[in-house]
């Protein structure tokens, strides 16, 4: 079953990065960033980012989705 990348982003990312990935009150914009860069940051979860419990496939799907968003 394919990961619901928009739903995963809404649940795990939007509160800090904004609903459209354009940045929020606590985190920078991620819209349009390369999928591999997004996946790397999710895997590394640098402070103040909390570790997100996603599978490798879900992380890859989130990376592709965020990469597709307009800056």
N, C-alpha and C. Protein backbone atom coordinates (compact mmCIF):
# COMPACT_ATOMS: atom_id res chain seq x y z
N UNK A 1 0.84 -1.17 0.00
CA UNK A 1 0.00 0.00 0.00
C UNK A 1 0.89 1.24 0.00
N UNK A 2 0.61 2.17 -0.86
CA UNK A 2 1.39 3.40 -0.96
C UNK A 2 1.16 4.28 0.26
N UNK A 3 2.22 4.94 0.68
CA UNK A 3 2.13 5.84 1.82
C UNK A 3 1.30 7.06 1.46
N UNK A 4 0.55 7.55 2.41
CA UNK A 4 -0.24 8.77 2.25
C UNK A 4 0.65 9.94 2.61
N UNK A 5 1.50 10.35 1.69
CA UNK A 5 2.48 11.40 1.97
C UNK A 5 1.84 12.71 2.41
N UNK A 6 0.77 13.19 1.75
CA UNK A 6 0.16 14.43 2.24
C UNK A 6 -0.35 14.30 3.68
N UNK A 7 -0.95 13.16 3.99
CA UNK A 7 -1.44 12.93 5.35
C UNK A 7 -0.32 12.84 6.36
N UNK A 8 0.76 12.17 5.98
CA UNK A 8 1.92 12.07 6.87
C UNK A 8 2.53 13.44 7.13
N UNK A 9 2.60 14.26 6.10
CA UNK A 9 3.13 15.62 6.26
C UNK A 9 2.24 16.45 7.17
N UNK A 10 0.94 16.34 6.96
CA UNK A 10 0.01 17.09 7.79
C UNK A 10 0.15 16.69 9.25
N UNK A 11 0.27 15.41 9.50
CA UNK A 11 0.35 14.89 10.87
C UNK A 11 1.70 15.18 11.52
N UNK A 12 2.79 15.06 10.76
CA UNK A 12 4.12 15.09 11.36
C UNK A 12 4.94 16.35 11.09
N UNK A 13 4.57 17.12 10.08
CA UNK A 13 5.45 18.22 9.64
C UNK A 13 4.81 19.60 9.65
N UNK A 14 3.52 19.65 9.33
CA UNK A 14 2.85 20.93 9.08
C UNK A 14 2.84 21.86 10.29
N UNK A 15 2.78 21.32 11.49
CA UNK A 15 2.70 22.20 12.66
C UNK A 15 3.94 23.08 12.79
N UNK A 16 5.06 22.65 12.27
CA UNK A 16 6.29 23.46 12.32
C UNK A 16 6.67 24.06 10.97
N UNK A 17 6.50 23.28 9.90
CA UNK A 17 6.94 23.72 8.56
C UNK A 17 5.83 24.37 7.74
N UNK A 18 4.63 24.44 8.28
CA UNK A 18 3.51 25.02 7.56
C UNK A 18 2.80 24.00 6.69
N UNK A 19 1.53 24.23 6.45
CA UNK A 19 0.71 23.29 5.68
C UNK A 19 1.20 23.09 4.26
N UNK A 20 1.84 24.09 3.69
CA UNK A 20 2.35 23.99 2.32
C UNK A 20 3.87 23.88 2.29
N UNK A 21 4.48 23.63 3.45
CA UNK A 21 5.93 23.47 3.52
C UNK A 21 6.72 24.74 3.32
N UNK A 22 6.06 25.89 3.46
CA UNK A 22 6.73 27.17 3.19
C UNK A 22 7.33 27.80 4.44
N UNK A 23 7.43 27.03 5.49
CA UNK A 23 8.00 27.52 6.74
C UNK A 23 6.90 27.88 7.72
N UNK A 24 7.26 27.80 8.97
CA UNK A 24 6.29 28.09 10.01
C UNK A 24 6.96 28.87 11.13
N UNK A 25 6.35 28.82 12.27
CA UNK A 25 6.87 29.57 13.40
C UNK A 25 8.12 28.94 13.99
N UNK A 26 8.31 27.65 13.78
CA UNK A 26 9.42 26.95 14.43
C UNK A 26 10.41 26.30 13.47
N UNK A 27 10.15 26.35 12.18
CA UNK A 27 11.02 25.62 11.25
C UNK A 27 11.05 26.28 9.88
N UNK A 28 12.12 26.03 9.14
CA UNK A 28 12.27 26.65 7.82
C UNK A 28 11.38 26.02 6.75
N UNK A 29 11.33 26.68 5.62
CA UNK A 29 10.61 26.15 4.46
C UNK A 29 11.27 24.86 3.98
N UNK A 30 10.45 23.92 3.56
CA UNK A 30 10.95 22.67 3.00
C UNK A 30 10.41 22.42 1.59
N UNK A 31 9.40 23.19 1.19
CA UNK A 31 8.80 23.02 -0.13
C UNK A 31 9.85 23.15 -1.22
N UNK A 32 9.85 22.20 -2.15
CA UNK A 32 10.75 22.24 -3.29
C UNK A 32 12.15 21.74 -3.02
N UNK A 33 12.44 21.35 -1.79
CA UNK A 33 13.77 20.82 -1.47
C UNK A 33 13.90 19.44 -2.09
N UNK A 34 15.13 19.02 -2.44
CA UNK A 34 15.31 17.68 -3.00
C UNK A 34 14.81 16.59 -2.04
N UNK A 35 14.17 15.58 -2.59
CA UNK A 35 13.62 14.50 -1.79
C UNK A 35 14.67 13.85 -0.91
N UNK A 36 15.86 13.65 -1.44
CA UNK A 36 16.92 13.01 -0.65
C UNK A 36 17.35 13.88 0.53
N UNK A 37 17.35 15.19 0.35
CA UNK A 37 17.70 16.10 1.44
C UNK A 37 16.65 16.05 2.54
N UNK A 38 15.39 16.03 2.14
CA UNK A 38 14.30 15.95 3.13
C UNK A 38 14.40 14.65 3.91
N UNK A 39 14.61 13.55 3.21
CA UNK A 39 14.73 12.25 3.87
C UNK A 39 15.92 12.24 4.83
N UNK A 40 17.02 12.84 4.43
CA UNK A 40 18.20 12.89 5.29
C UNK A 40 17.93 13.65 6.58
N UNK A 41 17.22 14.76 6.48
CA UNK A 41 16.91 15.55 7.67
C UNK A 41 15.93 14.79 8.56
N UNK A 42 14.92 14.16 7.97
CA UNK A 42 13.97 13.39 8.77
C UNK A 42 14.69 12.28 9.51
N UNK A 43 15.61 11.60 8.84
CA UNK A 43 16.36 10.52 9.49
C UNK A 43 17.28 11.03 10.59
N UNK A 44 17.87 12.20 10.40
CA UNK A 44 18.81 12.76 11.38
C UNK A 44 18.09 13.48 12.51
N UNK A 45 16.89 13.97 12.25
CA UNK A 45 16.04 14.74 13.17
C UNK A 45 16.85 15.69 14.07
N UNK A 46 17.49 16.70 13.45
CA UNK A 46 18.27 17.65 14.26
C UNK A 46 17.37 18.49 15.17
N UNK A 47 17.89 18.88 16.33
CA UNK A 47 17.09 19.72 17.23
C UNK A 47 16.67 21.00 16.53
N UNK A 48 15.52 21.48 16.79
CA UNK A 48 14.54 21.04 17.79
C UNK A 48 13.57 19.99 17.27
N UNK A 49 13.87 19.40 16.13
CA UNK A 49 12.96 18.42 15.53
C UNK A 49 12.92 17.14 16.35
N UNK A 50 11.73 16.66 16.60
CA UNK A 50 11.55 15.38 17.28
C UNK A 50 11.72 14.25 16.31
N UNK A 51 12.15 13.10 16.81
CA UNK A 51 12.25 11.92 15.96
C UNK A 51 10.84 11.50 15.54
N UNK A 52 10.67 11.25 14.26
CA UNK A 52 9.38 10.85 13.71
C UNK A 52 9.44 9.36 13.41
N UNK A 53 8.48 8.63 13.89
CA UNK A 53 8.45 7.18 13.69
C UNK A 53 7.77 6.85 12.36
N UNK A 54 8.54 6.88 11.29
CA UNK A 54 8.05 6.52 9.96
C UNK A 54 8.92 5.43 9.39
N UNK A 55 8.34 4.62 8.51
CA UNK A 55 9.13 3.60 7.82
C UNK A 55 9.99 4.28 6.75
N UNK A 56 10.96 3.55 6.24
CA UNK A 56 11.80 4.08 5.16
C UNK A 56 10.96 4.45 3.95
N UNK A 57 9.96 3.65 3.63
CA UNK A 57 9.08 3.95 2.49
C UNK A 57 8.27 5.22 2.73
N UNK A 58 7.80 5.40 3.96
CA UNK A 58 7.04 6.60 4.29
C UNK A 58 7.93 7.85 4.22
N UNK A 59 9.15 7.74 4.72
CA UNK A 59 10.08 8.86 4.65
C UNK A 59 10.37 9.22 3.19
N UNK A 60 10.59 8.22 2.36
CA UNK A 60 10.84 8.47 0.94
C UNK A 60 9.63 9.14 0.29
N UNK A 61 8.43 8.70 0.64
CA UNK A 61 7.21 9.28 0.08
C UNK A 61 7.06 10.73 0.52
N UNK A 62 7.33 11.01 1.79
CA UNK A 62 7.26 12.39 2.29
C UNK A 62 8.28 13.25 1.56
N UNK A 63 9.48 12.73 1.35
CA UNK A 63 10.51 13.47 0.62
C UNK A 63 10.06 13.82 -0.78
N UNK A 64 9.48 12.86 -1.49
CA UNK A 64 8.99 13.12 -2.85
C UNK A 64 7.86 14.14 -2.84
N UNK A 65 6.97 14.01 -1.87
CA UNK A 65 5.84 14.94 -1.79
C UNK A 65 6.32 16.37 -1.52
N UNK A 66 7.17 16.54 -0.53
CA UNK A 66 7.69 17.86 -0.18
C UNK A 66 8.46 18.46 -1.35
N UNK A 67 9.20 17.63 -2.05
CA UNK A 67 9.95 18.08 -3.21
C UNK A 67 9.04 18.60 -4.30
N UNK A 68 7.84 18.08 -4.38
CA UNK A 68 6.89 18.47 -5.43
C UNK A 68 6.14 19.77 -5.09
N UNK A 69 6.20 20.20 -3.84
CA UNK A 69 5.50 21.43 -3.43
C UNK A 69 6.17 22.66 -4.01
N UNK A 70 5.38 23.66 -4.35
CA UNK A 70 5.91 24.92 -4.88
C UNK A 70 6.50 25.74 -3.75
N UNK A 71 7.63 26.36 -4.03
CA UNK A 71 8.30 27.22 -3.03
C UNK A 71 7.56 28.49 -2.84
